[in-house]
N, C-alpha and C. Protein backbone atom coordinates (compact mmCIF):
# COMPACT_ATOMS: atom_id res chain seq x y z
N MET A 1 38.36 0.57 -46.84
CA MET A 1 37.71 1.11 -45.05
C MET A 1 36.97 -0.74 -45.24
N GLU A 2 37.64 -1.56 -44.65
CA GLU A 2 36.45 -2.88 -44.82
C GLU A 2 35.13 -2.36 -43.45
N LYS A 3 35.74 -1.58 -42.11
CA LYS A 3 34.70 -1.46 -41.13
C LYS A 3 33.87 -0.36 -41.15
N ALA A 4 34.35 1.13 -42.51
CA ALA A 4 33.76 1.38 -42.66
C ALA A 4 32.14 2.56 -41.91
N PRO A 5 30.98 1.27 -42.17
CA PRO A 5 30.23 1.35 -41.92
C PRO A 5 29.47 1.49 -40.54
N VAL A 6 30.97 0.63 -39.88
CA VAL A 6 30.74 0.55 -38.14
C VAL A 6 30.78 1.49 -37.36
N LEU A 7 31.79 2.22 -38.14
CA LEU A 7 32.39 3.12 -37.23
C LEU A 7 32.27 4.72 -37.89
N SER A 8 31.29 5.03 -38.55
CA SER A 8 30.73 6.26 -38.48
C SER A 8 29.76 6.18 -39.87
N PRO A 9 28.78 7.12 -39.74
CA PRO A 9 27.38 7.44 -40.27
C PRO A 9 27.45 7.54 -42.12
N GLN A 10 29.01 7.73 -41.74
CA GLN A 10 29.14 9.21 -42.65
C GLN A 10 28.99 8.05 -44.52
N ASN A 11 28.77 8.82 -45.49
CA ASN A 11 28.75 7.91 -47.27
C ASN A 11 30.44 8.02 -47.74
N ILE A 12 31.42 6.60 -46.87
CA ILE A 12 32.59 6.59 -47.63
C ILE A 12 32.94 5.62 -48.74
N THR A 13 32.51 6.42 -49.18
CA THR A 13 33.25 5.57 -51.13
C THR A 13 35.03 5.05 -51.40
N ALA A 14 34.85 4.34 -52.34
CA ALA A 14 36.14 3.97 -52.69
C ALA A 14 36.95 5.82 -53.65
N ASP A 15 36.27 6.68 -53.80
CA ASP A 15 36.75 7.87 -54.54
C ASP A 15 37.19 9.09 -52.94
N VAL A 16 36.37 8.86 -52.10
CA VAL A 16 36.47 9.91 -51.08
C VAL A 16 38.00 9.69 -50.81
N ALA A 17 38.55 11.14 -50.72
CA ALA A 17 40.18 11.83 -50.93
C ALA A 17 40.68 11.31 -49.02
N PHE A 18 41.71 10.76 -48.74
CA PHE A 18 42.11 10.40 -47.64
C PHE A 18 43.15 11.80 -47.65
N PRO A 19 43.07 11.42 -46.32
CA PRO A 19 43.08 11.36 -44.77
C PRO A 19 41.48 11.53 -44.18
N ILE A 20 41.37 11.02 -44.13
CA ILE A 20 39.38 11.68 -43.53
C ILE A 20 39.21 11.28 -41.34
N GLU A 21 39.27 12.59 -40.73
CA GLU A 21 38.53 11.95 -39.80
C GLU A 21 37.37 11.46 -39.54
N LEU A 22 37.62 10.36 -38.37
CA LEU A 22 37.16 9.55 -38.52
C LEU A 22 36.62 8.95 -36.80
N TRP A 23 35.54 8.99 -35.84
CA TRP A 23 35.13 9.24 -34.54
C TRP A 23 35.14 8.04 -34.15
N ILE A 24 35.65 7.28 -33.20
CA ILE A 24 35.84 5.78 -32.75
C ILE A 24 35.57 5.25 -31.01
N GLU A 25 34.34 4.70 -30.65
CA GLU A 25 34.41 4.23 -29.23
C GLU A 25 35.78 3.91 -28.68
N ALA A 26 36.36 4.84 -27.89
CA ALA A 26 37.78 3.80 -27.19
C ALA A 26 38.01 3.96 -26.05
N ALA A 27 38.64 3.26 -24.77
CA ALA A 27 38.28 3.68 -23.55
C ALA A 27 39.92 3.91 -22.90
N ALA A 28 39.63 3.99 -21.59
CA ALA A 28 40.96 4.62 -21.86
C ALA A 28 41.19 4.75 -20.07
N ASP A 29 42.00 4.31 -19.20
CA ASP A 29 42.23 4.67 -17.73
C ASP A 29 42.16 5.53 -17.51
N ASP A 30 43.26 6.61 -17.25
CA ASP A 30 44.23 7.61 -17.26
C ASP A 30 44.34 8.86 -18.72
N ILE A 31 43.64 10.30 -18.33
CA ILE A 31 44.14 11.15 -19.72
C ILE A 31 44.81 12.14 -18.87
N ALA A 32 45.72 12.53 -18.15
CA ALA A 32 45.79 13.18 -16.72
C ALA A 32 47.39 13.08 -17.68
N GLY A 33 47.85 12.21 -17.73
CA GLY A 33 49.42 12.90 -18.86
C GLY A 33 49.63 13.96 -20.12
N GLU A 34 50.55 12.86 -20.48
CA GLU A 34 50.91 14.25 -21.56
C GLU A 34 50.25 12.34 -22.97
N GLU A 35 50.43 11.78 -22.92
CA GLU A 35 50.20 10.76 -23.74
C GLU A 35 49.65 10.03 -22.80
N VAL A 36 48.21 8.91 -23.67
CA VAL A 36 47.41 8.15 -23.15
C VAL A 36 47.21 6.65 -24.25
N VAL A 37 46.99 5.74 -23.35
CA VAL A 37 46.76 4.45 -23.95
C VAL A 37 45.27 4.36 -24.22
N VAL A 38 44.54 4.20 -25.02
CA VAL A 38 43.34 3.98 -25.68
C VAL A 38 43.23 2.14 -25.73
N MET A 39 42.05 1.73 -26.18
CA MET A 39 41.34 0.70 -26.17
C MET A 39 40.80 0.52 -26.87
N LEU A 40 40.40 0.55 -27.95
CA LEU A 40 39.54 0.39 -28.48
C LEU A 40 38.61 -0.26 -28.59
N SER A 41 36.93 -0.53 -29.01
CA SER A 41 36.25 -1.23 -28.58
C SER A 41 35.48 -1.85 -30.18
N HIS A 42 33.87 -2.33 -29.33
CA HIS A 42 33.60 -3.39 -30.68
C HIS A 42 34.26 -4.03 -32.05
N GLY A 43 35.55 -4.31 -30.79
CA GLY A 43 36.23 -4.81 -32.36
C GLY A 43 37.34 -4.36 -32.82
N VAL A 44 37.38 -3.24 -33.00
CA VAL A 44 37.87 -2.67 -33.86
C VAL A 44 39.13 -2.66 -33.40
N GLU A 45 40.40 -2.69 -34.57
CA GLU A 45 41.71 -3.53 -34.17
C GLU A 45 41.88 -1.71 -35.65
N ALA A 46 43.63 -1.43 -35.10
CA ALA A 46 44.93 -1.02 -35.62
C ALA A 46 44.97 -1.81 -36.71
N MET A 47 46.13 -1.07 -37.37
CA MET A 47 47.07 -2.34 -38.91
C MET A 47 47.22 -2.92 -38.01
N GLY A 48 47.50 -4.43 -38.21
CA GLY A 48 48.89 -5.61 -37.06
C GLY A 48 47.81 -5.83 -36.11
N GLY A 49 46.52 -6.20 -36.21
CA GLY A 49 46.59 -6.30 -35.31
C GLY A 49 45.66 -5.48 -33.99
N ARG A 50 46.42 -5.15 -33.99
CA ARG A 50 46.05 -4.07 -31.77
C ARG A 50 45.50 -3.20 -31.82
N ILE A 51 44.64 -3.62 -30.79
CA ILE A 51 43.61 -3.04 -29.70
C ILE A 51 44.07 -2.35 -29.44
N SER A 52 45.14 -1.52 -28.62
CA SER A 52 44.79 -0.07 -28.35
C SER A 52 46.50 0.25 -28.99
N LEU A 53 46.42 1.94 -27.74
CA LEU A 53 46.77 3.08 -29.07
C LEU A 53 46.93 3.75 -28.55
N VAL A 54 48.62 4.68 -28.71
CA VAL A 54 49.06 5.79 -27.99
C VAL A 54 49.11 6.55 -28.36
N LEU A 55 47.73 7.94 -27.87
CA LEU A 55 47.69 8.97 -28.58
C LEU A 55 48.15 10.05 -27.40
N SER A 56 48.03 11.43 -28.18
CA SER A 56 48.62 12.48 -27.68
C SER A 56 47.19 12.89 -26.33
N SER A 57 47.23 13.46 -25.52
CA SER A 57 46.06 13.60 -24.63
C SER A 57 45.33 14.61 -24.84
N ALA A 58 46.13 15.52 -25.74
CA ALA A 58 45.31 16.79 -26.59
C ALA A 58 44.37 16.25 -27.37
N ASP A 59 44.30 15.12 -27.95
CA ASP A 59 43.44 14.55 -28.82
C ASP A 59 42.78 13.47 -28.78
N VAL A 60 42.49 13.62 -27.37
CA VAL A 60 41.67 12.69 -26.50
C VAL A 60 40.12 13.33 -26.37
N LEU A 61 38.86 13.05 -26.32
CA LEU A 61 37.44 13.99 -25.84
C LEU A 61 37.81 13.40 -24.86
N GLY A 62 37.77 14.83 -23.92
CA GLY A 62 37.53 14.56 -22.49
C GLY A 62 38.57 14.37 -21.87
N SER A 63 40.14 15.64 -22.75
CA SER A 63 41.11 15.78 -22.01
C SER A 63 41.07 17.37 -21.68
């Protein structure tokens, strides 16, 4: 977890069992449908350098 201190105040060490839940800041234009495209904030990237993710609307806070 290269950016864990940036993403979470949790103390995430090498011996923590994964997966773990992290809440990260992101922006979305519309969460009314079944899926929503979220743009990651603060230079956060997903695997492969992606800066956006397609999520189920039910998994997005505010839906």
